[in-house]
Amino acid sequence: MKSHEQMCGLAVALDYLGDRWTLLIVRELLVEPRTFSQLQSVLRGCSPNLLVDRLKDMSANGLILQKARSTSTRMPYQLTELGRSLRGPVESLIRWGGRLIPGQRGLKDRYPHWMEVAIPALLRPKIKANERFRIQFQIDKYVFAVISDGVHLDVIKGETEQPDLILNLSYQRTLAVLSGYVSLKSLASDEITSTKYNSKAKAVKRLQEILS
């Protein structure tokens, strides 16, 4: 690990995380453990040799380890406790960088599973004390749910039982809605549905309460 040799928390953080692709590998592993080939498939532009180097460095720095599988020779990488502690900083960076997305050009890659990290990042600062909700997202046919029990915010894969709201949106539309770039009232009747609220207006109102 190259060191800035500075007795400063930011400098030490950059010693661990400042290399290109490192934080994006963390983002992938915050979703779930992934094999080398799975990481390579979504990190377009990161050569196999460079990915090997980054994974070796992250392992040596105590951020990741390989999880053995009895049924496969391919061992997925997963975050250590130190690596998982990066969720807060990663979420802060997502919020910071998200404000800059509208002014960027050439952002071609978008994978729906990234939203499993981005949506909690966007929601967490807005959640009120004891706020409870179950929101199911279908983003370009990728389904997961974000659940608040009043204390914790969790993500579960697939459909959830009795969701308060169901949002069926494209990747870009999801970012625009949760970042406040479009009015919630502009949501079409097939973009927001609910088994709990008997009208689109009530469902939109509930989403407004969560996001306000």
N, C-alpha and C. Protein backbone atom coordinates (compact mmCIF):
# COMPACT_ATOMS: atom_id res chain seq x y z
N MET A 1 0.84 -1.20 0.00
CA MET A 1 0.00 0.00 0.00
C MET A 1 0.88 1.25 0.00
N LYS A 2 0.64 2.12 -0.96
CA LYS A 2 1.36 3.38 -0.99
C LYS A 2 0.78 4.30 0.09
N SER A 3 1.65 5.02 0.76
CA SER A 3 1.20 5.88 1.85
C SER A 3 1.53 7.33 1.55
N HIS A 4 0.59 8.20 1.93
CA HIS A 4 0.86 9.64 1.84
C HIS A 4 1.78 10.10 2.98
N GLU A 5 1.97 9.21 3.96
CA GLU A 5 2.84 9.49 5.11
C GLU A 5 2.38 10.73 5.86
N GLN A 6 1.07 10.88 5.97
CA GLN A 6 0.50 12.02 6.69
C GLN A 6 -0.33 11.51 7.86
N MET A 7 -0.15 12.13 9.03
CA MET A 7 -0.94 11.76 10.19
C MET A 7 -2.28 12.50 10.12
N CYS A 8 -3.10 12.04 9.19
CA CYS A 8 -4.39 12.67 8.91
C CYS A 8 -5.36 11.58 8.49
N GLY A 9 -6.55 11.57 9.08
CA GLY A 9 -7.53 10.53 8.77
C GLY A 9 -7.88 10.47 7.30
N LEU A 10 -8.00 11.62 6.64
CA LEU A 10 -8.33 11.63 5.22
C LEU A 10 -7.20 11.00 4.40
N ALA A 11 -5.96 11.34 4.74
CA ALA A 11 -4.82 10.78 4.02
C ALA A 11 -4.75 9.27 4.18
N VAL A 12 -4.99 8.78 5.39
CA VAL A 12 -4.96 7.34 5.63
C VAL A 12 -6.09 6.65 4.87
N ALA A 13 -7.28 7.29 4.86
CA ALA A 13 -8.40 6.73 4.09
C ALA A 13 -8.03 6.61 2.62
N LEU A 14 -7.36 7.62 2.08
CA LEU A 14 -6.94 7.57 0.68
C LEU A 14 -5.86 6.52 0.45
N ASP A 15 -5.02 6.28 1.47
CA ASP A 15 -4.05 5.19 1.35
C ASP A 15 -4.76 3.87 1.08
N TYR A 16 -5.89 3.67 1.74
CA TYR A 16 -6.65 2.43 1.60
C TYR A 16 -7.57 2.42 0.39
N LEU A 17 -8.13 3.57 0.04
CA LEU A 17 -9.24 3.60 -0.90
C LEU A 17 -9.02 4.46 -2.14
N GLY A 18 -7.89 5.13 -2.22
CA GLY A 18 -7.71 6.14 -3.26
C GLY A 18 -7.44 5.61 -4.65
N ASP A 19 -7.09 4.33 -4.78
CA ASP A 19 -6.83 3.79 -6.11
C ASP A 19 -8.12 3.63 -6.89
N ARG A 20 -8.03 3.85 -8.22
CA ARG A 20 -9.20 3.71 -9.07
C ARG A 20 -9.77 2.30 -8.98
N TRP A 21 -11.08 2.19 -8.93
CA TRP A 21 -11.88 0.98 -8.89
C TRP A 21 -12.09 0.43 -7.48
N THR A 22 -11.28 0.83 -6.51
CA THR A 22 -11.40 0.24 -5.18
C THR A 22 -12.78 0.47 -4.58
N LEU A 23 -13.26 1.70 -4.58
CA LEU A 23 -14.57 1.97 -3.98
C LEU A 23 -15.71 1.35 -4.79
N LEU A 24 -15.51 1.19 -6.10
CA LEU A 24 -16.55 0.55 -6.90
C LEU A 24 -16.61 -0.96 -6.62
N ILE A 25 -15.49 -1.55 -6.29
CA ILE A 25 -15.49 -2.94 -5.84
C ILE A 25 -16.23 -3.04 -4.50
N VAL A 26 -15.99 -2.08 -3.61
CA VAL A 26 -16.72 -2.05 -2.34
C VAL A 26 -18.21 -1.95 -2.59
N ARG A 27 -18.62 -1.07 -3.51
CA ARG A 27 -20.05 -0.94 -3.84
C ARG A 27 -20.65 -2.29 -4.24
N GLU A 28 -19.93 -3.02 -5.13
CA GLU A 28 -20.45 -4.31 -5.57
C GLU A 28 -20.60 -5.29 -4.41
N LEU A 29 -19.62 -5.30 -3.52
CA LEU A 29 -19.65 -6.27 -2.42
C LEU A 29 -20.59 -5.86 -1.30
N LEU A 30 -20.99 -4.59 -1.26
CA LEU A 30 -22.05 -4.19 -0.33
C LEU A 30 -23.39 -4.80 -0.73
N VAL A 31 -23.54 -5.10 -2.03
CA VAL A 31 -24.77 -5.74 -2.49
C VAL A 31 -24.78 -7.21 -2.09
N GLU A 32 -23.68 -7.91 -2.42
CA GLU A 32 -23.54 -9.32 -2.06
C GLU A 32 -22.14 -9.80 -2.45
N PRO A 33 -21.68 -10.93 -1.89
CA PRO A 33 -20.39 -11.48 -2.32
C PRO A 33 -20.39 -11.76 -3.82
N ARG A 34 -19.24 -11.54 -4.46
CA ARG A 34 -19.17 -11.74 -5.91
C ARG A 34 -17.85 -12.42 -6.28
N THR A 35 -17.91 -13.24 -7.32
CA THR A 35 -16.72 -13.88 -7.84
C THR A 35 -15.94 -12.88 -8.71
N PHE A 36 -14.73 -13.27 -9.07
CA PHE A 36 -13.89 -12.43 -9.92
C PHE A 36 -14.63 -12.12 -11.23
N SER A 37 -15.21 -13.16 -11.85
CA SER A 37 -15.88 -12.95 -13.14
C SER A 37 -17.10 -12.06 -13.00
N GLN A 38 -17.81 -12.17 -11.89
CA GLN A 38 -18.97 -11.31 -11.67
C GLN A 38 -18.54 -9.85 -11.51
N LEU A 39 -17.45 -9.63 -10.79
CA LEU A 39 -16.93 -8.28 -10.64
C LEU A 39 -16.49 -7.73 -11.99
N GLN A 40 -15.79 -8.55 -12.75
CA GLN A 40 -15.28 -8.10 -14.03
C GLN A 40 -16.41 -7.73 -15.00
N SER A 41 -17.52 -8.44 -14.91
CA SER A 41 -18.62 -8.21 -15.84
C SER A 41 -19.29 -6.85 -15.66
N VAL A 42 -19.20 -6.27 -14.45
CA VAL A 42 -19.86 -4.98 -14.21
C VAL A 42 -18.88 -3.82 -14.08
N LEU A 43 -17.59 -4.12 -14.00
CA LEU A 43 -16.57 -3.07 -13.90
C LEU A 43 -15.91 -2.90 -15.26
N ARG A 44 -16.69 -2.44 -16.21
CA ARG A 44 -16.20 -2.29 -17.58
C ARG A 44 -15.08 -1.25 -17.62
N GLY A 45 -13.96 -1.63 -18.22
CA GLY A 45 -12.82 -0.72 -18.27
C GLY A 45 -11.72 -1.10 -17.29
N CYS A 46 -12.05 -1.97 -16.36
CA CYS A 46 -11.04 -2.47 -15.42
C CYS A 46 -10.49 -3.78 -15.98
N SER A 47 -9.24 -3.77 -16.41
CA SER A 47 -8.65 -4.95 -17.03
C SER A 47 -8.52 -6.08 -16.00
N PRO A 48 -8.47 -7.32 -16.47
CA PRO A 48 -8.30 -8.44 -15.53
C PRO A 48 -7.08 -8.29 -14.64
N ASN A 49 -5.95 -7.86 -15.21
CA ASN A 49 -4.74 -7.72 -14.40
C ASN A 49 -4.90 -6.64 -13.34
N LEU A 50 -5.54 -5.54 -13.71
CA LEU A 50 -5.74 -4.46 -12.75
C LEU A 50 -6.71 -4.89 -11.65
N LEU A 51 -7.75 -5.64 -12.02
CA LEU A 51 -8.70 -6.12 -11.02
C LEU A 51 -8.00 -7.07 -10.05
N VAL A 52 -7.14 -7.92 -10.56
CA VAL A 52 -6.35 -8.82 -9.69
C VAL A 52 -5.54 -8.00 -8.69
N ASP A 53 -4.89 -6.95 -9.18
CA ASP A 53 -4.07 -6.11 -8.30
C ASP A 53 -4.92 -5.44 -7.24
N ARG A 54 -6.07 -4.91 -7.64
CA ARG A 54 -6.92 -4.22 -6.66
C ARG A 54 -7.42 -5.20 -5.59
N LEU A 55 -7.83 -6.38 -6.01
CA LEU A 55 -8.34 -7.36 -5.05
C LEU A 55 -7.23 -7.81 -4.10
N LYS A 56 -6.02 -7.96 -4.62
CA LYS A 56 -4.89 -8.33 -3.76
C LYS A 56 -4.63 -7.23 -2.73
N ASP A 57 -4.64 -5.98 -3.18
CA ASP A 57 -4.39 -4.87 -2.26
C ASP A 57 -5.49 -4.78 -1.20
N MET A 58 -6.75 -4.93 -1.62
CA MET A 58 -7.86 -4.84 -0.68
C MET A 58 -7.83 -5.97 0.33
N SER A 59 -7.41 -7.15 -0.12
CA SER A 59 -7.28 -8.28 0.79
C SER A 59 -6.15 -8.04 1.79
N ALA A 60 -5.01 -7.54 1.29
CA ALA A 60 -3.86 -7.27 2.17
C ALA A 60 -4.19 -6.18 3.18
N ASN A 61 -5.07 -5.26 2.80
CA ASN A 61 -5.44 -4.16 3.69
C ASN A 61 -6.61 -4.50 4.61
N GLY A 62 -7.07 -5.75 4.55
CA GLY A 62 -8.11 -6.21 5.47
C GLY A 62 -9.51 -5.77 5.11
N LEU A 63 -9.74 -5.37 3.86
CA LEU A 63 -11.07 -4.91 3.45
C LEU A 63 -11.94 -6.05 2.93
N ILE A 64 -11.32 -7.07 2.33
CA ILE A 64 -12.08 -8.17 1.74
C ILE A 64 -11.41 -9.50 2.06
N LEU A 65 -12.18 -10.57 1.87
CA LEU A 65 -11.64 -11.92 1.94
C LEU A 65 -12.42 -12.77 0.96
N GLN A 66 -11.91 -13.95 0.67
CA GLN A 66 -12.62 -14.86 -0.21
C GLN A 66 -13.39 -15.88 0.61
N LYS A 67 -14.64 -16.06 0.24
CA LYS A 67 -15.54 -16.96 0.95
C LYS A 67 -15.55 -18.31 0.25
N ALA A 68 -15.16 -19.34 0.96
CA ALA A 68 -15.09 -20.68 0.36
C ALA A 68 -16.49 -21.24 0.11
N ARG A 69 -16.63 -21.92 -1.01
CA ARG A 69 -17.87 -22.61 -1.35
C ARG A 69 -17.56 -24.09 -1.55
N SER A 70 -18.32 -24.93 -0.90
CA SER A 70 -18.06 -26.36 -1.03
C SER A 70 -18.50 -26.90 -2.39
N THR A 71 -19.41 -26.19 -3.06
CA THR A 71 -19.96 -26.69 -4.32
C THR A 71 -19.32 -26.05 -5.53
N SER A 72 -18.34 -25.18 -5.34
CA SER A 72 -17.76 -24.50 -6.48
C SER A 72 -16.30 -24.17 -6.20
N THR A 73 -15.50 -24.22 -7.28
CA THR A 73 -14.09 -23.84 -7.13
C THR A 73 -13.94 -22.33 -7.20
N ARG A 74 -14.98 -21.63 -7.65
CA ARG A 74 -14.94 -20.17 -7.72
C ARG A 74 -15.33 -19.61 -6.36
N MET A 75 -14.40 -18.96 -5.72
CA MET A 75 -14.66 -18.44 -4.38
C MET A 75 -15.01 -16.95 -4.47
N PRO A 76 -16.22 -16.58 -4.05
CA PRO A 76 -16.59 -15.17 -4.12
C PRO A 76 -15.86 -14.33 -3.07
N TYR A 77 -15.66 -13.10 -3.41
CA TYR A 77 -15.08 -12.14 -2.48
C TYR A 77 -16.20 -11.53 -1.65
N GLN A 78 -15.88 -11.25 -0.38
CA GLN A 78 -16.84 -10.58 0.48
C GLN A 78 -16.11 -9.57 1.35
N LEU A 79 -16.86 -8.61 1.85
CA LEU A 79 -16.28 -7.59 2.71
C LEU A 79 -16.03 -8.14 4.11
N THR A 80 -14.95 -7.70 4.71
CA THR A 80 -14.70 -7.97 6.12
C THR A 80 -15.49 -6.95 6.95
N GLU A 81 -15.37 -7.06 8.26
CA GLU A 81 -16.03 -6.07 9.12
C GLU A 81 -15.52 -4.66 8.80
N LEU A 82 -14.20 -4.55 8.56
CA LEU A 82 -13.64 -3.25 8.19
C LEU A 82 -14.22 -2.77 6.87
N GLY A 83 -14.36 -3.68 5.91
CA GLY A 83 -14.94 -3.31 4.62
C GLY A 83 -16.40 -2.90 4.74
N ARG A 84 -17.16 -3.63 5.56
CA ARG A 84 -18.59 -3.30 5.73
C ARG A 84 -18.77 -1.95 6.40
N SER A 85 -17.78 -1.54 7.19
CA SER A 85 -17.88 -0.24 7.86
C SER A 85 -17.80 0.92 6.87
N LEU A 86 -17.51 0.62 5.62
CA LEU A 86 -17.46 1.66 4.59
C LEU A 86 -18.84 2.03 4.05
N ARG A 87 -19.89 1.35 4.49
CA ARG A 87 -21.22 1.66 3.96
C ARG A 87 -21.57 3.14 4.18
N GLY A 88 -21.33 3.65 5.37
CA GLY A 88 -21.65 5.05 5.64
C GLY A 88 -20.89 6.01 4.73
N PRO A 89 -19.56 5.91 4.65
CA PRO A 89 -18.83 6.77 3.72
C PRO A 89 -19.25 6.61 2.27
N VAL A 90 -19.52 5.37 1.84
CA VAL A 90 -19.97 5.15 0.46
C VAL A 90 -21.31 5.83 0.23
N GLU A 91 -22.22 5.72 1.17
CA GLU A 91 -23.52 6.36 1.01
C GLU A 91 -23.38 7.88 0.95
N SER A 92 -22.50 8.44 1.75
CA SER A 92 -22.27 9.89 1.70
C SER A 92 -21.74 10.32 0.34
N LEU A 93 -20.83 9.53 -0.22
CA LEU A 93 -20.28 9.84 -1.54
C LEU A 93 -21.34 9.70 -2.63
N ILE A 94 -22.24 8.72 -2.50
CA ILE A 94 -23.33 8.57 -3.46
C ILE A 94 -24.22 9.81 -3.45
N ARG A 95 -24.53 10.31 -2.26
CA ARG A 95 -25.36 11.51 -2.19
C ARG A 95 -24.63 12.71 -2.78
N TRP A 96 -23.35 12.82 -2.49
CA TRP A 96 -22.55 13.94 -3.00
C TRP A 96 -22.45 13.86 -4.52
N GLY A 97 -22.09 12.68 -5.03
CA GLY A 97 -21.92 12.52 -6.47
C GLY A 97 -23.23 12.56 -7.22
N GLY A 98 -24.31 12.12 -6.56
CA GLY A 98 -25.61 12.11 -7.23
C GLY A 98 -26.06 13.49 -7.67
N ARG A 99 -25.67 14.50 -6.91
CA ARG A 99 -26.05 15.87 -7.27
C ARG A 99 -25.36 16.31 -8.56
N LEU A 100 -24.26 15.66 -8.91
CA LEU A 100 -23.49 16.04 -10.08
C LEU A 100 -23.88 15.26 -11.34
N ILE A 101 -24.66 14.20 -11.19
CA ILE A 101 -25.01 13.35 -12.34
C ILE A 101 -25.69 14.13 -13.46
N PRO A 102 -26.66 15.02 -13.18
CA PRO A 102 -27.35 15.70 -14.28
C PRO A 102 -26.42 16.47 -15.21
N GLY A 103 -25.29 16.91 -14.73
CA GLY A 103 -24.37 17.69 -15.56
C GLY A 103 -23.32 16.86 -16.27
N GLN A 104 -23.37 15.53 -16.09
CA GLN A 104 -22.36 14.66 -16.70
C GLN A 104 -22.83 14.13 -18.05
N ARG A 105 -21.87 13.80 -18.89
CA ARG A 105 -22.16 13.22 -20.20
C ARG A 105 -21.42 11.90 -20.33
N GLY A 106 -21.97 11.00 -21.10
CA GLY A 106 -21.30 9.74 -21.38
C GLY A 106 -21.36 8.72 -20.27
N LEU A 107 -22.36 8.84 -19.37
CA LEU A 107 -22.51 7.85 -18.29
C LEU A 107 -23.35 6.70 -18.83
N LYS A 108 -22.69 5.74 -19.45
CA LYS A 108 -23.39 4.69 -20.18
C LYS A 108 -23.81 3.51 -19.31
N ASP A 109 -22.97 3.13 -18.38
CA ASP A 109 -23.23 1.91 -17.61
C ASP A 109 -24.24 2.17 -16.52
N ARG A 110 -25.16 1.25 -16.38
CA ARG A 110 -26.16 1.33 -15.29
C ARG A 110 -26.68 -0.08 -15.05
N TYR A 111 -26.52 -0.56 -13.85
CA TYR A 111 -26.99 -1.88 -13.46
C TYR A 111 -27.98 -1.72 -12.31
N PRO A 112 -29.16 -2.30 -12.44
CA PRO A 112 -30.19 -2.10 -11.40
C PRO A 112 -29.76 -2.46 -9.99
N HIS A 113 -28.85 -3.45 -9.85
CA HIS A 113 -28.47 -3.84 -8.49
C HIS A 113 -27.70 -2.73 -7.78
N TRP A 114 -27.14 -1.77 -8.51
CA TRP A 114 -26.50 -0.63 -7.86
C TRP A 114 -27.49 0.12 -6.97
N MET A 115 -28.76 0.05 -7.33
CA MET A 115 -29.79 0.76 -6.57
C MET A 115 -29.98 0.18 -5.16
N GLU A 116 -29.51 -1.05 -4.95
CA GLU A 116 -29.60 -1.61 -3.60
C GLU A 116 -28.70 -0.87 -2.63
N VAL A 117 -27.71 -0.16 -3.16
CA VAL A 117 -26.86 0.69 -2.33
C VAL A 117 -27.30 2.13 -2.42
N ALA A 118 -27.67 2.57 -3.62
CA ALA A 118 -28.01 3.99 -3.83
C ALA A 118 -29.30 4.40 -3.15
N ILE A 119 -30.33 3.56 -3.21
CA ILE A 119 -31.62 3.97 -2.64
C ILE A 119 -31.55 4.14 -1.13
N PRO A 120 -30.97 3.19 -0.36
CA PRO A 120 -30.80 3.46 1.07
C PRO A 120 -29.98 4.71 1.33
N ALA A 121 -28.97 4.97 0.48
CA ALA A 121 -28.15 6.17 0.65
C ALA A 121 -29.00 7.43 0.51
N LEU A 122 -29.92 7.43 -0.45
CA LEU A 122 -30.76 8.60 -0.68
C LEU A 122 -31.87 8.72 0.35
N LEU A 123 -32.35 7.59 0.85
CA LEU A 123 -33.46 7.61 1.80
C LEU A 123 -33.03 7.88 3.24
N ARG A 124 -31.87 7.37 3.62
CA ARG A 124 -31.49 7.37 5.04
C ARG A 124 -31.57 8.75 5.71
N PRO A 125 -31.05 9.83 5.06
CA PRO A 125 -31.11 11.14 5.74
C PRO A 125 -32.53 11.69 5.88
N LYS A 126 -33.47 11.13 5.10
CA LYS A 126 -34.83 11.67 5.09
C LYS A 126 -35.77 10.95 6.06
N ILE A 127 -35.34 9.80 6.56
CA ILE A 127 -36.23 9.00 7.39
C ILE A 127 -36.37 9.62 8.78
N LYS A 128 -37.60 9.80 9.18
CA LYS A 128 -37.88 10.37 10.50
C LYS A 128 -37.78 9.27 11.56
N ALA A 129 -37.63 9.69 12.80
CA ALA A 129 -37.58 8.73 13.91
C ALA A 129 -38.85 7.90 13.93
N ASN A 130 -38.70 6.60 14.09
CA ASN A 130 -39.80 5.65 14.17
C ASN A 130 -40.60 5.53 12.87
N GLU A 131 -40.04 5.99 11.77
CA GLU A 131 -40.70 5.86 10.47
C GLU A 131 -40.65 4.41 10.01
N ARG A 132 -41.81 3.86 9.67
CA ARG A 132 -41.90 2.48 9.22
C ARG A 132 -42.49 2.42 7.82
N PHE A 133 -41.86 1.65 6.95
CA PHE A 133 -42.42 1.48 5.61
C PHE A 133 -41.79 0.27 4.94
N ARG A 134 -42.46 -0.21 3.92
CA ARG A 134 -41.98 -1.30 3.07
C ARG A 134 -42.21 -0.87 1.63
N ILE A 135 -41.15 -0.58 0.92
CA ILE A 135 -41.27 -0.15 -0.47
C ILE A 135 -40.62 -1.19 -1.36
N GLN A 136 -41.39 -1.70 -2.29
CA GLN A 136 -40.85 -2.66 -3.26
C GLN A 136 -40.51 -1.92 -4.55
N PHE A 137 -39.31 -2.15 -5.05
CA PHE A 137 -38.85 -1.52 -6.28
C PHE A 137 -38.73 -2.57 -7.38
N GLN A 138 -39.22 -2.22 -8.55
CA GLN A 138 -38.95 -3.01 -9.74
C GLN A 138 -38.28 -2.07 -10.73
N ILE A 139 -36.97 -2.22 -10.88
CA ILE A 139 -36.18 -1.33 -11.71
C ILE A 139 -35.67 -2.11 -12.90
N ASP A 140 -36.23 -1.82 -14.05
CA ASP A 140 -35.87 -2.57 -15.26
C ASP A 140 -35.95 -4.07 -15.01
N LYS A 141 -37.02 -4.50 -14.37
CA LYS A 141 -37.34 -5.90 -14.07
C LYS A 141 -36.51 -6.50 -12.92
N TYR A 142 -35.67 -5.71 -12.30
CA TYR A 142 -34.89 -6.18 -11.14
C TYR A 142 -35.66 -5.79 -9.88
N VAL A 143 -36.00 -6.77 -9.05
CA VAL A 143 -36.92 -6.56 -7.93
C VAL A 143 -36.21 -6.70 -6.59
N PHE A 144 -36.43 -5.73 -5.72
CA PHE A 144 -35.96 -5.79 -4.34
C PHE A 144 -36.82 -4.85 -3.51
N ALA A 145 -36.66 -4.90 -2.21
CA ALA A 145 -37.47 -4.05 -1.33
C ALA A 145 -36.58 -3.36 -0.30
N VAL A 146 -36.98 -2.16 0.07
CA VAL A 146 -36.31 -1.41 1.12
C VAL A 146 -37.30 -1.29 2.28
N ILE A 147 -36.87 -1.70 3.46
CA ILE A 147 -37.76 -1.79 4.61
C ILE A 147 -37.19 -1.02 5.78
N SER A 148 -38.01 -0.18 6.39
CA SER A 148 -37.64 0.53 7.61
C SER A 148 -38.54 0.05 8.74
N ASP A 149 -37.91 -0.37 9.84
CA ASP A 149 -38.68 -0.81 11.01
C ASP A 149 -38.74 0.27 12.08
N GLY A 150 -38.35 1.49 11.71
CA GLY A 150 -38.33 2.58 12.66
C GLY A 150 -36.96 2.84 13.24
N VAL A 151 -36.07 1.86 13.10
CA VAL A 151 -34.70 1.99 13.60
C VAL A 151 -33.69 1.69 12.49
N HIS A 152 -33.90 0.56 11.81
CA HIS A 152 -32.96 0.11 10.79
C HIS A 152 -33.58 0.21 9.40
N LEU A 153 -32.71 0.37 8.42
CA LEU A 153 -33.11 0.37 7.02
C LEU A 153 -32.44 -0.83 6.36
N ASP A 154 -33.24 -1.74 5.85
CA ASP A 154 -32.71 -2.98 5.29
C ASP A 154 -33.17 -3.17 3.84
N VAL A 155 -32.38 -3.94 3.10
CA VAL A 155 -32.72 -4.29 1.73
C VAL A 155 -32.89 -5.79 1.65
N ILE A 156 -33.97 -6.24 1.01
CA ILE A 156 -34.16 -7.67 0.77
C ILE A 156 -34.35 -7.88 -0.73
N LYS A 157 -33.83 -8.97 -1.23
CA LYS A 157 -33.95 -9.26 -2.65
C LYS A 157 -35.29 -9.90 -2.96
N GLY A 158 -35.82 -9.61 -4.13
CA GLY A 158 -37.09 -10.18 -4.54
C GLY A 158 -38.27 -9.42 -3.94
N GLU A 159 -39.42 -10.00 -4.09
CA GLU A 159 -40.65 -9.36 -3.60
C GLU A 159 -40.75 -9.48 -2.09
N THR A 160 -41.47 -8.52 -1.51
CA THR A 160 -41.71 -8.55 -0.07
C THR A 160 -43.20 -8.66 0.19
N GLU A 161 -43.55 -9.21 1.34
CA GLU A 161 -44.96 -9.35 1.69
C GLU A 161 -45.56 -8.01 2.08
N GLN A 162 -46.72 -7.75 1.56
CA GLN A 162 -47.53 -6.57 1.92
C GLN A 162 -46.72 -5.26 1.87
N PRO A 163 -46.15 -4.94 0.73
CA PRO A 163 -45.45 -3.66 0.64
C PRO A 163 -46.43 -2.49 0.72
N ASP A 164 -46.00 -1.41 1.35
CA ASP A 164 -46.84 -0.21 1.39
C ASP A 164 -46.96 0.39 -0.01
N LEU A 165 -45.83 0.40 -0.72
CA LEU A 165 -45.77 0.99 -2.05
C LEU A 165 -44.98 0.07 -2.97
N ILE A 166 -45.35 0.08 -4.24
CA ILE A 166 -44.61 -0.64 -5.27
C ILE A 166 -44.27 0.36 -6.36
N LEU A 167 -42.97 0.54 -6.60
CA LEU A 167 -42.50 1.47 -7.62
C LEU A 167 -41.91 0.68 -8.77
N ASN A 168 -42.46 0.88 -9.96
CA ASN A 168 -42.01 0.20 -11.17
C ASN A 168 -41.43 1.25 -12.11
N LEU A 169 -40.11 1.42 -12.05
CA LEU A 169 -39.47 2.55 -12.72
C LEU A 169 -38.22 2.10 -13.48
N SER A 170 -37.80 2.92 -14.43
CA SER A 170 -36.51 2.69 -15.07
C SER A 170 -35.41 3.15 -14.12
N TYR A 171 -34.18 2.81 -14.46
CA TYR A 171 -33.03 3.22 -13.64
C TYR A 171 -32.96 4.74 -13.52
N GLN A 172 -33.01 5.42 -14.65
CA GLN A 172 -32.90 6.88 -14.63
C GLN A 172 -34.08 7.53 -13.92
N ARG A 173 -35.25 7.00 -14.15
CA ARG A 173 -36.46 7.54 -13.52
C ARG A 173 -36.37 7.40 -12.00
N THR A 174 -35.85 6.28 -11.53
CA THR A 174 -35.70 6.08 -10.08
C THR A 174 -34.80 7.14 -9.47
N LEU A 175 -33.65 7.37 -10.09
CA LEU A 175 -32.74 8.40 -9.60
C LEU A 175 -33.41 9.77 -9.58
N ALA A 176 -34.14 10.08 -10.65
CA ALA A 176 -34.79 11.39 -10.74
C ALA A 176 -35.85 11.56 -9.67
N VAL A 177 -36.63 10.52 -9.42
CA VAL A 177 -37.69 10.60 -8.42
C VAL A 177 -37.12 10.76 -7.01
N LEU A 178 -36.17 9.91 -6.65
CA LEU A 178 -35.65 9.92 -5.28
C LEU A 178 -34.74 11.12 -5.02
N SER A 179 -34.18 11.70 -6.07
CA SER A 179 -33.34 12.89 -5.91
C SER A 179 -34.12 14.18 -5.99
N GLY A 180 -35.41 14.08 -6.27
CA GLY A 180 -36.27 15.27 -6.29
C GLY A 180 -36.22 16.05 -7.58
N TYR A 181 -35.74 15.43 -8.67
CA TYR A 181 -35.65 16.15 -9.95
C TYR A 181 -36.98 16.16 -10.70
N VAL A 182 -37.88 15.28 -10.35
CA VAL A 182 -39.20 15.26 -10.97
C VAL A 182 -40.26 15.25 -9.88
N SER A 183 -41.41 15.79 -10.20
CA SER A 183 -42.52 15.83 -9.24
C SER A 183 -43.09 14.43 -9.06
N LEU A 184 -43.38 14.07 -7.82
CA LEU A 184 -43.97 12.77 -7.57
C LEU A 184 -45.36 12.67 -8.20
N LYS A 185 -46.02 13.80 -8.36
CA LYS A 185 -47.34 13.80 -8.97
C LYS A 185 -47.29 13.41 -10.44
N SER A 186 -46.09 13.47 -11.03
CA SER A 186 -45.96 13.09 -12.43
C SER A 186 -45.87 11.59 -12.63
N LEU A 187 -45.77 10.83 -11.53
CA LEU A 187 -45.70 9.38 -11.65
C LEU A 187 -46.98 8.84 -12.27
N ALA A 188 -46.81 7.96 -13.25
CA ALA A 188 -47.96 7.35 -13.90
C ALA A 188 -48.57 6.28 -13.00
N SER A 189 -49.80 5.91 -13.30
CA SER A 189 -50.52 4.95 -12.45
C SER A 189 -49.86 3.57 -12.45
N ASP A 190 -49.10 3.25 -13.51
CA ASP A 190 -48.40 1.97 -13.52
C ASP A 190 -46.99 2.07 -12.94
N GLU A 191 -46.57 3.28 -12.55
CA GLU A 191 -45.26 3.46 -11.94
C GLU A 191 -45.32 3.39 -10.42
N ILE A 192 -46.46 3.72 -9.83
CA ILE A 192 -46.63 3.62 -8.39
C ILE A 192 -47.97 2.97 -8.08
N THR A 193 -47.92 1.85 -7.38
CA THR A 193 -49.13 1.14 -7.00
C THR A 193 -49.03 0.75 -5.53
N SER A 194 -50.14 0.28 -5.01
CA SER A 194 -50.16 -0.09 -3.59
C SER A 194 -51.33 -1.01 -3.31
N THR A 195 -51.10 -1.97 -2.43
CA THR A 195 -52.19 -2.80 -1.93
C THR A 195 -52.75 -2.23 -0.64
N LYS A 196 -52.07 -1.24 -0.09
CA LYS A 196 -52.47 -0.64 1.18
C LYS A 196 -53.31 0.61 0.97
N TYR A 197 -52.99 1.38 -0.07
CA TYR A 197 -53.70 2.64 -0.34
C TYR A 197 -54.56 2.45 -1.59
N ASN A 198 -55.81 2.89 -1.51
CA ASN A 198 -56.77 2.57 -2.56
C ASN A 198 -56.80 3.56 -3.71
N SER A 199 -55.83 4.47 -3.76
CA SER A 199 -55.77 5.39 -4.89
C SER A 199 -54.32 5.80 -5.13
N LYS A 200 -54.05 6.20 -6.36
CA LYS A 200 -52.71 6.66 -6.69
C LYS A 200 -52.37 7.90 -5.87
N ALA A 201 -53.34 8.78 -5.67
CA ALA A 201 -53.09 10.02 -4.93
C ALA A 201 -52.63 9.73 -3.51
N LYS A 202 -53.24 8.74 -2.85
CA LYS A 202 -52.85 8.39 -1.49
C LYS A 202 -51.47 7.75 -1.47
N ALA A 203 -51.18 6.94 -2.48
CA ALA A 203 -49.86 6.32 -2.55
C ALA A 203 -48.78 7.37 -2.76
N VAL A 204 -49.04 8.33 -3.63
CA VAL A 204 -48.09 9.42 -3.88
C VAL A 204 -47.90 10.25 -2.61
N LYS A 205 -48.98 10.51 -1.91
CA LYS A 205 -48.89 11.29 -0.67
C LYS A 205 -48.01 10.57 0.35
N ARG A 206 -48.15 9.25 0.45
CA ARG A 206 -47.33 8.49 1.40
C ARG A 206 -45.86 8.56 0.99
N LEU A 207 -45.58 8.47 -0.30
CA LEU A 207 -44.20 8.56 -0.77
C LEU A 207 -43.64 9.94 -0.49
N GLN A 208 -44.46 10.96 -0.65
CA GLN A 208 -44.03 12.33 -0.34
C GLN A 208 -43.67 12.46 1.14
N GLU A 209 -44.47 11.82 2.00
CA GLU A 209 -44.18 11.87 3.44
C GLU A 209 -42.84 11.22 3.75
N ILE A 210 -42.54 10.12 3.09
CA ILE A 210 -41.28 9.43 3.33
C ILE A 210 -40.09 10.24 2.84
N LEU A 211 -40.26 10.90 1.70
CA LEU A 211 -39.14 11.61 1.08
C LEU A 211 -38.97 13.05 1.57
N SER A 212 -39.95 13.54 2.32
CA SER A 212 -39.88 14.96 2.75
C SER A 212 -38.91 15.15 3.91
